[in-house]
Structures are given as structure tokens and as C-alpha cells.
N, C-alpha and C. Protein backbone atom coordinates (compact mmCIF):
# COMPACT_ATOMS: atom_id res chain seq x y z
N MET A 1 7.34 -32.72 4.58
CA MET A 1 7.32 -33.04 3.17
C MET A 1 6.85 -31.83 2.36
N ARG A 2 5.77 -31.17 2.81
CA ARG A 2 5.23 -30.00 2.11
C ARG A 2 6.26 -28.88 2.04
N LEU A 3 7.00 -28.66 3.12
CA LEU A 3 8.02 -27.63 3.17
C LEU A 3 9.10 -27.90 2.13
N LEU A 4 9.48 -29.17 1.96
CA LEU A 4 10.49 -29.52 0.96
C LEU A 4 10.00 -29.22 -0.45
N GLN A 5 8.72 -29.48 -0.70
CA GLN A 5 8.16 -29.18 -2.02
C GLN A 5 8.19 -27.67 -2.30
N ILE A 6 7.83 -26.89 -1.30
CA ILE A 6 7.83 -25.43 -1.47
C ILE A 6 9.25 -24.93 -1.72
N LEU A 7 10.21 -25.45 -0.96
CA LEU A 7 11.60 -25.06 -1.15
C LEU A 7 12.10 -25.46 -2.54
N ALA A 8 11.73 -26.64 -2.98
CA ALA A 8 12.16 -27.12 -4.30
C ALA A 8 11.61 -26.23 -5.41
N ILE A 9 10.35 -25.82 -5.28
CA ILE A 9 9.76 -24.93 -6.29
C ILE A 9 10.48 -23.58 -6.27
N GLY A 10 10.72 -23.05 -5.07
CA GLY A 10 11.42 -21.78 -4.94
C GLY A 10 12.80 -21.83 -5.55
N LEU A 11 13.54 -22.91 -5.30
CA LEU A 11 14.87 -23.06 -5.87
C LEU A 11 14.82 -23.19 -7.39
N ALA A 12 13.82 -23.89 -7.90
CA ALA A 12 13.69 -24.04 -9.35
C ALA A 12 13.42 -22.70 -10.01
N VAL A 13 12.56 -21.89 -9.40
CA VAL A 13 12.27 -20.56 -9.95
C VAL A 13 13.52 -19.70 -9.91
N ALA A 14 14.23 -19.72 -8.78
CA ALA A 14 15.45 -18.93 -8.63
C ALA A 14 16.51 -19.36 -9.64
N ALA A 15 16.65 -20.67 -9.84
CA ALA A 15 17.65 -21.19 -10.77
C ALA A 15 17.32 -20.82 -12.21
N SER A 16 16.06 -20.71 -12.54
CA SER A 16 15.67 -20.39 -13.90
C SER A 16 15.89 -18.92 -14.22
N GLY A 17 16.13 -18.09 -13.16
CA GLY A 17 16.34 -16.66 -13.39
C GLY A 17 15.04 -15.90 -13.59
N GLN A 18 13.94 -16.58 -13.46
CA GLN A 18 12.65 -15.93 -13.66
C GLN A 18 11.98 -15.70 -12.31
N THR A 19 11.41 -14.55 -12.18
CA THR A 19 10.60 -14.29 -10.99
C THR A 19 9.19 -13.99 -11.46
N PRO A 20 8.23 -14.47 -10.73
CA PRO A 20 6.85 -14.21 -11.13
C PRO A 20 6.57 -12.71 -11.15
N THR A 21 5.87 -12.27 -12.16
CA THR A 21 5.50 -10.85 -12.26
C THR A 21 4.27 -10.60 -11.40
N PRO A 22 4.40 -9.72 -10.41
CA PRO A 22 3.23 -9.45 -9.57
C PRO A 22 2.17 -8.70 -10.37
N PRO A 23 0.92 -8.89 -10.00
CA PRO A 23 -0.14 -8.20 -10.72
C PRO A 23 -0.07 -6.69 -10.49
N ALA A 24 -0.45 -5.93 -11.50
CA ALA A 24 -0.47 -4.47 -11.40
C ALA A 24 -1.63 -4.04 -10.51
N ALA A 25 -1.53 -2.83 -9.95
CA ALA A 25 -2.61 -2.29 -9.12
C ALA A 25 -3.93 -2.26 -9.88
N THR A 26 -3.85 -2.08 -11.20
CA THR A 26 -5.06 -1.95 -12.01
C THR A 26 -5.90 -3.22 -12.03
N THR A 27 -5.36 -4.33 -11.55
CA THR A 27 -6.14 -5.57 -11.53
C THR A 27 -7.04 -5.67 -10.29
N TYR A 28 -6.92 -4.70 -9.37
CA TYR A 28 -7.67 -4.76 -8.12
C TYR A 28 -8.77 -3.70 -8.08
N LYS A 29 -9.92 -4.10 -7.55
CA LYS A 29 -11.05 -3.18 -7.40
C LYS A 29 -10.69 -2.08 -6.42
N GLY A 30 -10.95 -0.84 -6.81
CA GLY A 30 -10.70 0.31 -5.95
C GLY A 30 -9.39 1.02 -6.21
N HIS A 31 -8.57 0.46 -7.11
CA HIS A 31 -7.25 1.03 -7.39
C HIS A 31 -7.32 2.44 -7.96
N ASP A 32 -8.44 2.78 -8.60
CA ASP A 32 -8.55 4.04 -9.33
C ASP A 32 -9.28 5.14 -8.56
N ALA A 33 -9.46 4.97 -7.27
CA ALA A 33 -10.24 5.92 -6.47
C ALA A 33 -9.66 7.33 -6.44
N LEU A 34 -8.37 7.47 -6.71
CA LEU A 34 -7.73 8.78 -6.69
C LEU A 34 -7.27 9.24 -8.07
N ASP A 35 -7.56 8.48 -9.11
CA ASP A 35 -7.10 8.82 -10.46
C ASP A 35 -7.55 10.21 -10.89
N HIS A 36 -8.77 10.60 -10.53
CA HIS A 36 -9.30 11.91 -10.94
C HIS A 36 -8.55 13.07 -10.32
N TRP A 37 -7.75 12.81 -9.31
CA TRP A 37 -7.04 13.85 -8.57
C TRP A 37 -5.58 13.99 -9.03
N VAL A 38 -5.10 13.05 -9.83
CA VAL A 38 -3.72 13.09 -10.30
C VAL A 38 -3.54 14.27 -11.25
N GLY A 39 -2.51 15.07 -11.01
CA GLY A 39 -2.21 16.21 -11.87
C GLY A 39 -1.65 17.38 -11.09
N GLU A 40 -1.55 18.52 -11.78
CA GLU A 40 -1.07 19.76 -11.16
C GLU A 40 -2.24 20.71 -11.03
N TRP A 41 -2.42 21.26 -9.82
CA TRP A 41 -3.63 21.99 -9.50
C TRP A 41 -3.36 23.34 -8.83
N ASP A 42 -4.26 24.29 -9.09
CA ASP A 42 -4.42 25.48 -8.26
C ASP A 42 -5.63 25.19 -7.39
N VAL A 43 -5.58 25.59 -6.13
CA VAL A 43 -6.64 25.26 -5.19
C VAL A 43 -7.31 26.54 -4.69
N PHE A 44 -8.65 26.54 -4.70
CA PHE A 44 -9.44 27.72 -4.37
C PHE A 44 -10.45 27.41 -3.28
N MET A 45 -10.70 28.42 -2.46
CA MET A 45 -11.82 28.39 -1.50
C MET A 45 -12.57 29.69 -1.70
N GLY A 46 -13.87 29.57 -2.01
CA GLY A 46 -14.68 30.77 -2.21
C GLY A 46 -14.13 31.69 -3.28
N GLY A 47 -13.51 31.16 -4.31
CA GLY A 47 -12.99 31.96 -5.41
C GLY A 47 -11.59 32.50 -5.18
N GLN A 48 -11.05 32.36 -3.98
CA GLN A 48 -9.71 32.85 -3.66
C GLN A 48 -8.71 31.70 -3.70
N LYS A 49 -7.57 31.93 -4.38
CA LYS A 49 -6.55 30.89 -4.44
C LYS A 49 -5.90 30.74 -3.06
N VAL A 50 -5.90 29.50 -2.55
CA VAL A 50 -5.34 29.23 -1.23
C VAL A 50 -4.08 28.36 -1.30
N GLY A 51 -3.76 27.87 -2.51
CA GLY A 51 -2.57 27.06 -2.64
C GLY A 51 -2.48 26.35 -3.97
N SER A 52 -1.51 25.46 -4.05
CA SER A 52 -1.34 24.63 -5.24
C SER A 52 -0.90 23.24 -4.78
N SER A 53 -1.15 22.27 -5.65
CA SER A 53 -0.86 20.90 -5.28
C SER A 53 -0.46 20.11 -6.51
N VAL A 54 0.47 19.20 -6.31
CA VAL A 54 0.87 18.26 -7.36
C VAL A 54 0.59 16.87 -6.81
N ILE A 55 -0.23 16.12 -7.55
CA ILE A 55 -0.64 14.78 -7.15
C ILE A 55 -0.08 13.79 -8.18
N GLU A 56 0.66 12.78 -7.69
CA GLU A 56 1.30 11.83 -8.59
C GLU A 56 1.05 10.39 -8.14
N LYS A 57 0.83 9.53 -9.14
CA LYS A 57 0.78 8.09 -8.85
C LYS A 57 2.23 7.60 -8.77
N THR A 58 2.45 6.61 -7.93
CA THR A 58 3.78 6.06 -7.76
C THR A 58 3.69 4.56 -7.47
N LEU A 59 4.80 3.89 -7.56
CA LEU A 59 4.89 2.47 -7.23
C LEU A 59 3.84 1.64 -7.96
N LYS A 60 3.78 1.85 -9.27
CA LYS A 60 2.89 1.10 -10.16
C LYS A 60 1.42 1.21 -9.77
N GLY A 61 1.05 2.38 -9.22
CA GLY A 61 -0.35 2.62 -8.87
C GLY A 61 -0.74 2.22 -7.47
N PHE A 62 0.18 1.64 -6.71
CA PHE A 62 -0.12 1.26 -5.33
C PHE A 62 0.07 2.44 -4.37
N GLY A 63 0.58 3.55 -4.88
CA GLY A 63 0.77 4.73 -4.05
C GLY A 63 0.40 5.99 -4.80
N VAL A 64 0.02 7.01 -4.06
CA VAL A 64 -0.24 8.35 -4.60
C VAL A 64 0.39 9.34 -3.62
N THR A 65 1.11 10.33 -4.15
CA THR A 65 1.71 11.35 -3.31
C THR A 65 1.09 12.70 -3.62
N GLU A 66 0.95 13.51 -2.59
CA GLU A 66 0.47 14.88 -2.74
C GLU A 66 1.55 15.81 -2.22
N HIS A 67 1.86 16.84 -3.00
CA HIS A 67 2.82 17.88 -2.61
C HIS A 67 2.04 19.19 -2.57
N TRP A 68 1.68 19.63 -1.37
CA TRP A 68 0.85 20.82 -1.16
C TRP A 68 1.72 22.02 -0.78
N THR A 69 1.41 23.18 -1.38
CA THR A 69 2.02 24.44 -0.99
C THR A 69 0.90 25.45 -0.83
N SER A 70 0.79 26.04 0.36
CA SER A 70 -0.26 27.04 0.58
C SER A 70 0.14 28.36 -0.06
N ALA A 71 -0.81 29.25 -0.23
CA ALA A 71 -0.55 30.56 -0.82
C ALA A 71 0.44 31.35 0.04
N ARG A 72 0.53 31.02 1.32
CA ARG A 72 1.46 31.69 2.24
C ARG A 72 2.82 31.02 2.30
N GLY A 73 2.98 29.90 1.57
CA GLY A 73 4.27 29.22 1.52
C GLY A 73 4.40 28.00 2.41
N GLY A 74 3.38 27.72 3.23
CA GLY A 74 3.41 26.51 4.05
C GLY A 74 3.35 25.27 3.18
N GLN A 75 3.88 24.17 3.70
CA GLN A 75 3.91 22.95 2.90
C GLN A 75 3.36 21.75 3.67
N GLY A 76 2.90 20.79 2.90
CA GLY A 76 2.43 19.54 3.45
C GLY A 76 2.59 18.43 2.43
N ARG A 77 2.59 17.21 2.91
CA ARG A 77 2.70 16.04 2.04
C ARG A 77 1.72 14.99 2.50
N SER A 78 1.08 14.37 1.52
CA SER A 78 0.24 13.20 1.78
C SER A 78 0.83 12.01 1.06
N PHE A 79 0.74 10.88 1.72
CA PHE A 79 1.14 9.61 1.13
C PHE A 79 -0.07 8.69 1.24
N PHE A 80 -0.58 8.27 0.11
CA PHE A 80 -1.73 7.37 0.05
C PHE A 80 -1.21 6.01 -0.39
N VAL A 81 -1.65 4.98 0.31
CA VAL A 81 -1.22 3.61 0.02
C VAL A 81 -2.46 2.77 -0.25
N PHE A 82 -2.47 2.07 -1.38
CA PHE A 82 -3.59 1.21 -1.74
C PHE A 82 -3.35 -0.19 -1.21
N ASP A 83 -4.29 -0.68 -0.41
CA ASP A 83 -4.25 -2.05 0.12
C ASP A 83 -5.13 -2.91 -0.77
N ALA A 84 -4.51 -3.59 -1.70
CA ALA A 84 -5.23 -4.39 -2.70
C ALA A 84 -6.04 -5.52 -2.06
N ALA A 85 -5.62 -6.01 -0.91
CA ALA A 85 -6.30 -7.14 -0.27
C ALA A 85 -7.74 -6.80 0.10
N ASP A 86 -7.99 -5.56 0.49
CA ASP A 86 -9.37 -5.19 0.86
C ASP A 86 -9.90 -3.96 0.13
N GLY A 87 -9.14 -3.43 -0.82
CA GLY A 87 -9.61 -2.31 -1.64
C GLY A 87 -9.65 -0.98 -0.91
N THR A 88 -8.92 -0.87 0.19
CA THR A 88 -8.92 0.39 0.94
C THR A 88 -7.68 1.22 0.62
N TRP A 89 -7.80 2.50 0.90
CA TRP A 89 -6.67 3.43 0.80
C TRP A 89 -6.37 3.94 2.20
N ARG A 90 -5.09 4.09 2.50
CA ARG A 90 -4.65 4.67 3.76
C ARG A 90 -3.86 5.94 3.45
N GLN A 91 -4.14 6.99 4.23
CA GLN A 91 -3.48 8.27 4.02
C GLN A 91 -2.67 8.65 5.26
N LEU A 92 -1.50 9.19 5.03
CA LEU A 92 -0.72 9.84 6.07
C LEU A 92 -0.36 11.22 5.55
N TRP A 93 -0.80 12.26 6.27
CA TRP A 93 -0.50 13.65 5.93
C TRP A 93 0.40 14.21 7.01
N ILE A 94 1.39 15.00 6.60
CA ILE A 94 2.24 15.71 7.54
C ILE A 94 2.49 17.11 6.98
N SER A 95 2.36 18.11 7.85
CA SER A 95 2.63 19.48 7.42
C SER A 95 3.95 19.96 8.01
N ASP A 96 4.42 21.10 7.51
CA ASP A 96 5.66 21.66 8.04
C ASP A 96 5.46 22.31 9.41
N THR A 97 4.24 22.22 9.94
CA THR A 97 3.97 22.70 11.31
C THR A 97 3.87 21.55 12.30
N GLY A 98 4.00 20.31 11.80
CA GLY A 98 3.91 19.14 12.67
C GLY A 98 2.52 18.55 12.79
N TRP A 99 1.57 19.06 12.02
CA TRP A 99 0.20 18.55 12.02
C TRP A 99 0.19 17.22 11.26
N ILE A 100 -0.39 16.19 11.86
CA ILE A 100 -0.42 14.85 11.27
C ILE A 100 -1.88 14.41 11.12
N VAL A 101 -2.19 13.83 9.98
CA VAL A 101 -3.52 13.27 9.74
C VAL A 101 -3.34 11.84 9.25
N GLN A 102 -4.12 10.92 9.82
CA GLN A 102 -4.13 9.54 9.37
C GLN A 102 -5.57 9.15 9.11
N LYS A 103 -5.84 8.67 7.89
CA LYS A 103 -7.20 8.28 7.51
C LYS A 103 -7.17 6.99 6.71
N THR A 104 -8.31 6.33 6.70
CA THR A 104 -8.52 5.14 5.88
C THR A 104 -9.82 5.34 5.12
N GLY A 105 -9.85 4.90 3.85
CA GLY A 105 -11.06 5.11 3.09
C GLY A 105 -11.26 4.12 1.97
N LYS A 106 -12.43 4.28 1.36
CA LYS A 106 -12.83 3.41 0.25
C LYS A 106 -13.39 4.27 -0.88
N PRO A 107 -13.39 3.72 -2.08
CA PRO A 107 -13.98 4.44 -3.21
C PRO A 107 -15.47 4.68 -3.00
N ILE A 108 -15.93 5.82 -3.49
CA ILE A 108 -17.35 6.15 -3.54
C ILE A 108 -17.63 6.62 -4.97
N GLN A 109 -18.89 6.87 -5.27
CA GLN A 109 -19.25 7.37 -6.60
C GLN A 109 -18.48 8.67 -6.88
N GLY A 110 -17.64 8.66 -7.90
CA GLY A 110 -16.91 9.86 -8.30
C GLY A 110 -15.69 10.19 -7.48
N GLY A 111 -15.22 9.28 -6.61
CA GLY A 111 -14.04 9.61 -5.84
C GLY A 111 -13.77 8.67 -4.68
N ILE A 112 -13.45 9.27 -3.53
CA ILE A 112 -13.06 8.50 -2.35
C ILE A 112 -13.54 9.22 -1.09
N SER A 113 -13.85 8.43 -0.08
CA SER A 113 -14.23 8.94 1.23
C SER A 113 -13.30 8.33 2.26
N LEU A 114 -12.72 9.17 3.12
CA LEU A 114 -11.75 8.71 4.12
C LEU A 114 -12.17 9.21 5.50
N GLU A 115 -11.80 8.46 6.53
CA GLU A 115 -12.07 8.87 7.90
C GLU A 115 -10.89 8.49 8.78
N GLY A 116 -10.63 9.34 9.78
CA GLY A 116 -9.53 9.05 10.68
C GLY A 116 -9.37 10.11 11.73
N GLU A 117 -8.11 10.54 11.92
CA GLU A 117 -7.81 11.44 13.03
C GLU A 117 -6.76 12.47 12.64
N SER A 118 -6.97 13.70 13.10
CA SER A 118 -5.96 14.76 13.02
C SER A 118 -5.29 14.86 14.37
N LYS A 119 -3.98 15.05 14.35
CA LYS A 119 -3.25 15.22 15.60
C LYS A 119 -2.32 16.43 15.44
N TYR A 120 -2.42 17.34 16.41
CA TYR A 120 -1.67 18.58 16.36
C TYR A 120 -0.46 18.51 17.29
N PRO A 121 0.57 19.33 17.04
CA PRO A 121 1.77 19.30 17.89
C PRO A 121 1.46 19.52 19.38
N SER A 122 0.36 20.21 19.67
CA SER A 122 -0.04 20.44 21.06
C SER A 122 -0.52 19.16 21.75
N GLY A 123 -0.79 18.13 20.94
CA GLY A 123 -1.32 16.87 21.47
C GLY A 123 -2.81 16.73 21.25
N LYS A 124 -3.47 17.82 20.84
CA LYS A 124 -4.91 17.77 20.57
C LYS A 124 -5.18 16.81 19.42
N LYS A 125 -6.24 16.00 19.59
CA LYS A 125 -6.66 15.05 18.55
C LYS A 125 -8.11 15.34 18.18
N THR A 126 -8.42 15.19 16.89
CA THR A 126 -9.77 15.43 16.39
C THR A 126 -10.13 14.36 15.38
N LYS A 127 -11.36 13.84 15.47
CA LYS A 127 -11.85 12.95 14.42
C LYS A 127 -12.00 13.78 13.16
N SER A 128 -11.63 13.19 12.02
CA SER A 128 -11.67 13.92 10.75
C SER A 128 -12.17 13.00 9.64
N ARG A 129 -12.91 13.60 8.71
CA ARG A 129 -13.33 12.84 7.52
C ARG A 129 -13.16 13.72 6.30
N GLU A 130 -13.07 13.06 5.15
CA GLU A 130 -12.75 13.78 3.92
C GLU A 130 -13.37 13.07 2.72
N LYS A 131 -13.79 13.88 1.75
CA LYS A 131 -14.22 13.35 0.46
C LYS A 131 -13.48 14.11 -0.63
N LEU A 132 -12.94 13.35 -1.58
CA LEU A 132 -12.32 13.90 -2.77
C LEU A 132 -13.14 13.41 -3.95
N THR A 133 -13.88 14.32 -4.57
CA THR A 133 -14.79 13.91 -5.65
C THR A 133 -14.59 14.77 -6.89
N LYS A 134 -14.78 14.13 -8.03
CA LYS A 134 -14.64 14.80 -9.32
C LYS A 134 -15.91 15.57 -9.63
N ASN A 135 -15.74 16.83 -10.04
CA ASN A 135 -16.86 17.66 -10.48
C ASN A 135 -17.07 17.47 -11.98
N ALA A 136 -18.25 17.83 -12.46
CA ALA A 136 -18.60 17.67 -13.87
C ALA A 136 -17.63 18.40 -14.80
N ASP A 137 -17.06 19.52 -14.34
CA ASP A 137 -16.15 20.31 -15.18
C ASP A 137 -14.70 19.82 -15.13
N GLY A 138 -14.43 18.69 -14.44
CA GLY A 138 -13.09 18.14 -14.35
C GLY A 138 -12.31 18.61 -13.14
N SER A 139 -12.83 19.61 -12.44
CA SER A 139 -12.19 20.03 -11.20
C SER A 139 -12.48 18.99 -10.12
N VAL A 140 -11.86 19.15 -8.96
CA VAL A 140 -12.03 18.21 -7.86
C VAL A 140 -12.40 18.99 -6.60
N ARG A 141 -13.38 18.48 -5.88
CA ARG A 141 -13.76 19.06 -4.59
C ARG A 141 -13.13 18.24 -3.47
N GLN A 142 -12.48 18.94 -2.56
CA GLN A 142 -11.96 18.31 -1.35
C GLN A 142 -12.70 18.90 -0.17
N LEU A 143 -13.54 18.08 0.45
CA LEU A 143 -14.31 18.50 1.61
C LEU A 143 -13.75 17.78 2.83
N ILE A 144 -13.22 18.56 3.78
CA ILE A 144 -12.68 18.00 5.02
C ILE A 144 -13.53 18.52 6.17
N GLU A 145 -13.98 17.59 7.01
CA GLU A 145 -14.78 17.95 8.17
C GLU A 145 -14.14 17.38 9.43
N ASP A 146 -14.22 18.15 10.51
CA ASP A 146 -13.74 17.70 11.81
C ASP A 146 -14.92 17.54 12.75
N TYR A 147 -14.82 16.61 13.67
CA TYR A 147 -15.89 16.36 14.63
C TYR A 147 -15.66 17.21 15.87
N ASP A 148 -16.66 18.02 16.19
CA ASP A 148 -16.61 18.88 17.36
C ASP A 148 -17.22 18.13 18.54
N GLU A 149 -16.39 17.73 19.48
CA GLU A 149 -16.86 16.96 20.65
C GLU A 149 -17.85 17.75 21.49
N ALA A 150 -17.67 19.07 21.55
CA ALA A 150 -18.55 19.89 22.39
C ALA A 150 -19.98 19.92 21.85
N THR A 151 -20.12 20.07 20.52
CA THR A 151 -21.46 20.16 19.92
C THR A 151 -21.95 18.82 19.39
N LYS A 152 -21.04 17.84 19.32
CA LYS A 152 -21.35 16.51 18.76
C LYS A 152 -21.80 16.61 17.30
N LYS A 153 -21.13 17.53 16.56
CA LYS A 153 -21.46 17.74 15.15
C LYS A 153 -20.18 17.82 14.32
N TRP A 154 -20.32 17.45 13.04
CA TRP A 154 -19.24 17.61 12.08
C TRP A 154 -19.26 19.06 11.58
N THR A 155 -18.07 19.69 11.51
CA THR A 155 -17.96 21.06 11.01
C THR A 155 -16.96 21.09 9.85
N VAL A 156 -17.23 21.95 8.89
CA VAL A 156 -16.36 22.06 7.72
C VAL A 156 -15.04 22.70 8.14
N ALA A 157 -13.95 22.00 7.86
CA ALA A 157 -12.61 22.53 8.14
C ALA A 157 -11.97 23.08 6.86
N PHE A 158 -12.32 22.47 5.72
CA PHE A 158 -11.76 22.89 4.43
C PHE A 158 -12.72 22.44 3.34
N ASP A 159 -13.06 23.34 2.44
CA ASP A 159 -13.91 23.01 1.29
C ASP A 159 -13.27 23.65 0.07
N GLY A 160 -12.37 22.90 -0.55
CA GLY A 160 -11.57 23.44 -1.63
C GLY A 160 -11.93 22.89 -2.99
N LYS A 161 -11.65 23.70 -4.00
CA LYS A 161 -11.86 23.31 -5.39
C LYS A 161 -10.50 23.28 -6.08
N TYR A 162 -10.12 22.13 -6.58
CA TYR A 162 -8.88 21.94 -7.32
C TYR A 162 -9.15 22.14 -8.80
N VAL A 163 -8.48 23.12 -9.40
CA VAL A 163 -8.62 23.42 -10.82
C VAL A 163 -7.26 23.15 -11.48
N ARG A 164 -7.30 22.34 -12.54
CA ARG A 164 -6.04 21.99 -13.22
C ARG A 164 -5.33 23.26 -13.66
N LYS A 165 -4.01 23.27 -13.46
CA LYS A 165 -3.21 24.43 -13.89
C LYS A 165 -3.43 24.63 -15.38
N GLY A 166 -3.67 25.85 -15.77
CA GLY A 166 -3.92 26.17 -17.17
C GLY A 166 -5.38 26.15 -17.55
N ASP A 167 -6.27 25.64 -16.68
CA ASP A 167 -7.70 25.58 -16.98
C ASP A 167 -8.46 26.81 -16.48
N ARG A 168 -7.79 27.70 -15.81
CA ARG A 168 -8.50 28.86 -15.26
C ARG A 168 -8.19 30.10 -16.01
């Protein structure tokens, strides 16, 4: 009986030509964890430009894409997906060298914190964590750390400063 009621409602909606409008990403807690990173950036480490990146929101805010180009011409892409059900973000990074990173994270004060794994074409795997946080001047810090199994310590793999194009 219940199944018939559900089917009847579905048919009525279909017949009316109306489909329910799904809620926007902005209605969910945590949707804005990467908003501070959206834009076009020059990326620096220790004052030296190491690359550039374009970060864009997509799919009505449920996705964010990163288009990275290193100063040497290497490329990488990140795809971030917002899971509205639990307020988490999932990242998949792939470089033109076959390096893959998969992380999951949640919003923190001023940004997002993610944790997961790096996997290299050689098969080597490393635990990895990352924070993307907004600085007072509007720039963004990306701190990536890898876990060294030998020393049982986290080591800095990348500590970059994203400066909006035209702000430097």
C-alpha cells in the first residue's frame, strides 16, 4: 500500500511538470570551507614563486576544482566534493606525473583541515595531512605534511602562500 502511495505522488509530480528544487549547498553547514581559496593565485614558498593556481566553485557549490601549474610547467588537478550529509569535504588530486592524493576533511577556524594518503607511481604510500587557511592579508596558507614512518613524525612537504593575482 505504501509503495502505491509513493508511486502515485511521483506520478503526480511528473505529470505536473514540476520537479522539486533541491536545496543549494549554501543551506548546509561546512559548505563554505574553501570559499577563501576561490580565485586566481600566484603561489610562493619562502618568497620564491613556485607556481600558479586557479580555484573555482562548481556544481552549485557542491564542488571545487583546482588547476595547478608549477613554475617548471608541471600540472595537477584537485577535485573537492562537499558531502552535505555530514559536512565533510573529499579531495582527489592527480598530477601529470601520476601522483595521487586522496583526503577527507572538515572546516576549521579560517579554513579546512584534511587528512588522507599520497600514492606515488612507484607504489609508495604516505599518510598526508593539509590545512588551507586564510591569512589576515587575504592570502591563503597551504600547509601539507607527510608522516615519516621511520621517525614517527609529521614533516613539512609544502608550505605555500597563495597571493591573489594582481595583489603582489
